[in-house]
């Protein structure tokens, strides 16, 4: 596993989305605003997506994780969209 510029970018993307998820989760815990919960769940799934990108592109480049990456990205957007629609109805 060679450390290169793309590896650093993938790692920083994962760390950034994980930090956003943690900060949003902490803000939700304090205020109980549901939009923060949905956003925290979305960023958690995006962090998982970025972790799978690291495994796909750096750790195991011979294995195709594209389906898993797309599934986590779709789940992240779906969770956030569901949260927006659900909070809009109330």
Protein backbone atom coordinates (compact mmCIF):
# COMPACT_ATOMS: atom_id res chain seq x y z
CA UNK A 1 0.00 0.00 0.00
CA UNK A 2 1.87 3.03 -1.28
CA UNK A 3 1.03 6.39 0.26
CA UNK A 4 0.38 8.90 -2.49
CA UNK A 5 -1.58 12.08 -3.10
CA UNK A 6 -4.84 10.27 -4.02
CA UNK A 7 -4.51 8.20 -0.86
CA UNK A 8 -4.18 11.37 1.21
CA UNK A 9 -7.25 12.86 -0.48
CA UNK A 10 -9.33 9.71 0.15
CA UNK A 11 -8.23 9.67 3.78
CA UNK A 12 -8.98 13.37 4.28
CA UNK A 13 -12.43 12.93 2.73
CA UNK A 14 -13.16 10.10 5.15
CA UNK A 15 -11.90 12.05 8.16
CA UNK A 16 -13.85 15.16 7.17
CA UNK A 17 -17.15 13.34 6.72
CA UNK A 18 -16.61 11.37 9.95
CA UNK A 19 -15.88 14.61 11.83
CA UNK A 20 -19.01 16.22 10.37
CA UNK A 21 -21.07 13.20 11.42
CA UNK A 22 -19.68 13.38 14.94
CA UNK A 23 -20.27 17.13 15.26
CA UNK A 24 -23.80 16.84 13.90
CA UNK A 25 -24.51 13.93 16.25
CA UNK A 26 -23.23 15.91 19.20
CA UNK A 27 -25.36 18.92 18.22
CA UNK A 28 -28.40 16.65 17.88
CA UNK A 29 -27.75 15.17 21.32
CA UNK A 30 -27.83 18.65 22.84
CA UNK A 31 -30.75 20.17 20.94
CA UNK A 32 -32.80 17.15 19.78
CA UNK A 33 -33.54 18.90 16.48
CA UNK A 34 -34.44 16.05 14.11
CA UNK A 35 -32.81 17.62 11.06
CA UNK A 36 -29.48 17.31 12.87
CA UNK A 37 -30.17 13.62 13.42
CA UNK A 38 -30.89 13.02 9.75
CA UNK A 39 -27.83 15.01 8.75
CA UNK A 40 -25.64 13.06 11.19
CA UNK A 41 -26.93 9.76 9.80
CA UNK A 42 -26.31 10.99 6.26
CA UNK A 43 -22.72 11.98 7.02
CA UNK A 44 -22.13 8.69 8.84
CA UNK A 45 -23.16 6.83 5.70
CA UNK A 46 -21.01 9.16 3.59
CA UNK A 47 -18.07 8.42 5.88
CA UNK A 48 -18.69 4.70 5.34
CA UNK A 49 -18.79 5.40 1.61
CA UNK A 50 -15.43 7.16 1.82
CA UNK A 51 -13.98 4.30 3.85
CA UNK A 52 -15.05 1.88 1.14
CA UNK A 53 -13.39 4.15 -1.44
CA UNK A 54 -10.14 3.77 0.50
CA UNK A 55 -10.51 0.00 0.50
CA UNK A 56 -11.49 0.00 -3.17
CA UNK A 57 -8.78 2.29 -4.52
CA UNK A 58 -5.87 1.78 -2.11
CA UNK A 59 -6.06 -1.36 0.01
CA UNK A 60 -7.67 -3.83 -2.42
CA UNK A 61 -7.45 -2.31 -5.92
CA UNK A 62 -8.06 -5.70 -7.54
CA UNK A 63 -11.49 -6.06 -5.87
CA UNK A 64 -14.43 -4.07 -7.20
CA UNK A 65 -16.38 -2.39 -4.38
CA UNK A 66 -18.35 -0.15 -6.72
CA UNK A 67 -21.72 -1.67 -5.79
CA UNK A 68 -21.09 -1.11 -2.07
CA UNK A 69 -19.93 2.47 -2.69
CA UNK A 70 -23.06 3.27 -4.67
CA UNK A 71 -25.29 1.57 -2.09
CA UNK A 72 -23.88 3.66 0.78
CA UNK A 73 -24.11 6.87 -1.27
CA UNK A 74 -27.72 6.11 -2.18
CA UNK A 75 -28.55 5.28 1.44
CA UNK A 76 -26.97 8.56 2.62
CA UNK A 77 -28.95 10.69 0.19
CA UNK A 78 -32.13 8.70 0.87
CA UNK A 79 -31.84 9.19 4.63
CA UNK A 80 -31.37 12.93 4.25
CA UNK A 81 -34.18 13.24 1.73
CA UNK A 82 -36.51 11.22 3.97
CA UNK A 83 -35.60 13.48 6.89
CA UNK A 84 -36.33 16.62 4.88
CA UNK A 85 -39.70 15.34 3.72
CA UNK A 86 -40.72 13.98 7.13
CA UNK A 87 -39.83 17.21 8.93
CA UNK A 88 -41.59 19.25 6.25
CA UNK A 89 -44.88 17.43 6.87
CA UNK A 90 -44.97 18.29 10.58
